[in-house]
C-alpha cells in the first residue's frame, strides 16, 4: 500500500498531561514509528474546557500531530490509540500531499494561539444593543404621553 500523510488531533487528560507530558506524547510518536511510520511534527495546540465531560474530565489538552504511515496500518494505529491511557479522544484525517509541506511548516512555526471559539450565549450586538436577529435593528419604542 501507499504511504500517506495524516493529521491527528488528540484530546489528552489535562491532569495526566501536566504530570507526564513527555511520556504521553512520546508514546503517541512511538506507536506511529512502531508501525513503520514517521512523525513530521507534533506540538501542543491548546488546553480548553470541553463542551461536555469525557471520562469525568472537563478540560482537555489538545495535541496536534502530522505523520506519515502506510495506509494499511492506519486501522491498527487507531485501535492502539483508543486503548492508550490518557487519550480521551482522537481524530485522524488524511492530508492531501499537495498541502502537507505547508501544514507542517505552519505547525512547526513558533508558538501560535488558536483562534478563540465563540462562547455559548455570546452574540454580536447591533448598534441598538439588540442581540442578532429578531429585532430588525430598530430602536426600542418609547411610550407616548397622552395629549403631547
Protein backbone atom coordinates (compact mmCIF):
# COMPACT_ATOMS: atom_id res chain seq x y z
CA UNK A 1 0.00 0.00 0.00
CA UNK A 2 0.95 3.64 -0.29
CA UNK A 3 2.36 5.77 2.48
CA UNK A 4 0.05 8.72 3.11
CA UNK A 5 0.27 11.85 5.23
CA UNK A 6 -2.13 12.30 8.11
CA UNK A 7 -3.13 14.94 10.63
CA UNK A 8 -4.22 13.75 14.06
CA UNK A 9 -5.76 15.75 16.87
CA UNK A 10 -5.70 14.21 20.32
CA UNK A 11 -7.62 15.31 23.39
CA UNK A 12 -5.46 14.30 26.31
CA UNK A 13 -6.31 14.12 30.02
CA UNK A 14 -5.09 17.55 31.24
CA UNK A 15 -4.24 16.33 34.74
CA UNK A 16 -2.14 13.48 33.47
CA UNK A 17 -0.53 15.66 30.80
CA UNK A 18 0.55 18.13 33.49
CA UNK A 19 2.37 15.32 35.33
CA UNK A 20 3.78 13.31 32.40
CA UNK A 21 3.71 15.42 29.24
CA UNK A 22 6.80 13.95 27.58
CA UNK A 23 5.77 10.38 28.36
CA UNK A 24 2.23 10.77 26.98
CA UNK A 25 3.23 12.47 23.75
CA UNK A 26 6.25 10.21 23.34
CA UNK A 27 4.00 7.13 23.41
CA UNK A 28 1.96 8.52 20.53
CA UNK A 29 5.10 9.03 18.43
CA UNK A 30 6.43 5.56 19.36
CA UNK A 31 3.20 3.90 18.25
CA UNK A 32 3.42 5.61 14.85
CA UNK A 33 7.09 4.66 14.45
CA UNK A 34 6.45 1.07 15.58
CA UNK A 35 4.11 0.67 12.60
CA UNK A 36 6.78 1.90 10.19
CA UNK A 37 5.58 5.50 10.05
CA UNK A 38 7.29 8.74 10.86
CA UNK A 39 6.24 11.83 12.79
CA UNK A 40 6.67 15.01 10.74
CA UNK A 41 5.81 17.41 13.56
CA UNK A 42 3.89 17.29 16.84
CA UNK A 43 3.02 20.09 19.20
CA UNK A 44 0.72 21.37 21.88
CA UNK A 45 -2.27 23.05 20.28
CA UNK A 46 -4.20 24.33 23.31
CA UNK A 47 -5.84 23.48 26.60
CA UNK A 48 -9.59 24.07 26.66
CA UNK A 49 -12.71 23.46 28.63
CA UNK A 50 -14.73 20.83 26.79
CA UNK A 51 -18.39 21.19 25.89
CA UNK A 52 -19.21 18.07 27.91
CA UNK A 53 -17.19 15.86 30.25
CA UNK A 54 -15.32 12.90 28.75
CA UNK A 55 -14.28 10.23 31.20
CA UNK A 56 -15.03 12.60 34.07
CA UNK A 57 -12.70 15.27 32.66
CA UNK A 58 -13.95 18.79 31.96
CA UNK A 59 -10.72 20.16 30.49
CA UNK A 60 -8.65 18.65 27.72
CA UNK A 61 -5.18 19.22 26.35
CA UNK A 62 -5.25 19.27 22.55
CA UNK A 63 -2.17 17.77 20.89
CA UNK A 64 -1.61 18.07 17.11
CA UNK A 65 0.47 15.53 15.15
CA UNK A 66 1.34 15.34 11.44
CA UNK A 67 2.75 11.97 10.40
CA UNK A 68 3.26 9.54 7.52
CA UNK A 69 2.33 5.89 7.69
CA UNK A 70 1.32 3.12 5.32
CA UNK A 71 -2.44 3.31 4.79
CA UNK A 72 -2.81 -0.41 5.58
CA UNK A 73 -1.53 0.25 9.12
CA UNK A 74 -3.99 3.05 9.93
CA UNK A 75 -6.71 0.78 11.34
CA UNK A 76 -4.18 -0.85 13.67
CA UNK A 77 -2.90 2.56 14.77
CA UNK A 78 -6.43 3.79 15.55
CA UNK A 79 -7.08 0.66 17.59
CA UNK A 80 -3.89 1.18 19.63
CA UNK A 81 -4.68 4.86 20.21
CA UNK A 82 -8.17 4.03 21.51
CA UNK A 83 -6.59 1.80 24.17
CA UNK A 84 -3.90 4.27 25.24
CA UNK A 85 -4.30 5.66 28.74
CA UNK A 86 -4.69 9.41 28.92
CA UNK A 87 -6.06 9.81 25.39
CA UNK A 88 -9.69 10.86 25.82
CA UNK A 89 -10.45 11.20 22.10
CA UNK A 90 -8.57 11.33 18.83
CA UNK A 91 -9.31 12.03 15.19
CA UNK A 92 -7.07 11.13 12.25
CA UNK A 93 -7.57 12.76 8.85
CA UNK A 94 -5.78 12.08 5.58
CA UNK A 95 -4.00 15.18 4.28
CA UNK A 96 -3.63 15.96 0.58
CA UNK A 97 0.00 15.52 -0.49
CA UNK A 98 -0.08 18.94 -2.18
CA UNK A 99 -0.55 20.82 1.10
CA UNK A 100 1.29 18.70 3.69
CA UNK A 101 4.50 20.77 3.46
CA UNK A 102 2.59 23.98 4.15
CA UNK A 103 0.73 22.46 7.11
CA UNK A 104 3.93 21.05 8.61
CA UNK A 105 5.72 24.40 8.19
CA UNK A 106 2.83 26.21 9.87
CA UNK A 107 2.72 23.73 12.76
CA UNK A 108 6.50 23.97 13.17
CA UNK A 109 6.48 27.76 13.44
CA UNK A 110 6.89 29.36 16.88
CA UNK A 111 4.06 29.04 19.37
CA UNK A 112 0.77 30.30 17.99
CA UNK A 113 -2.51 30.57 19.80
CA UNK A 114 -5.52 29.05 18.03
CA UNK A 115 -8.44 31.26 17.14
CA UNK A 116 -10.85 31.74 20.03
CA UNK A 117 -14.04 29.72 19.95
CA UNK A 118 -17.31 31.61 20.37
CA UNK A 119 -18.72 31.03 23.83
CA UNK A 120 -22.33 29.85 24.18
CA UNK A 121 -24.65 32.80 24.58
CA UNK A 122 -22.10 35.32 23.30
CA UNK A 123 -23.56 37.10 20.28
CA UNK A 124 -22.69 40.11 18.21
CA UNK A 125 -24.68 43.17 19.19
CA UNK A 126 -26.10 45.65 16.72
CA UNK A 127 -25.96 49.42 17.25
CA UNK A 128 -29.04 49.39 19.49
CA UNK A 129 -27.80 46.73 21.89
CA UNK A 130 -30.11 44.12 20.42
CA UNK A 131 -28.88 40.58 20.02
CA UNK A 132 -28.61 39.31 16.47
CA UNK A 133 -31.88 38.56 14.67
CA UNK A 134 -35.50 39.08 15.58
CA UNK A 135 -35.46 42.77 16.42
CA UNK A 136 -34.88 44.06 12.91
CA UNK A 137 -32.32 46.51 14.27
CA UNK A 138 -34.94 49.11 15.24
CA UNK A 139 -34.53 51.14 18.40
CA UNK A 140 -36.93 50.34 21.25
CA UNK A 141 -40.23 52.22 21.20
CA UNK A 142 -40.91 54.81 23.89
CA UNK A 143 -44.33 55.15 25.44
CA UNK A 144 -46.05 58.28 24.18
CA UNK A 145 -47.61 60.56 26.74
CA UNK A 146 -51.30 61.29 26.21
CA UNK A 147 -52.03 64.79 24.96
CA UNK A 148 -48.49 65.67 23.99
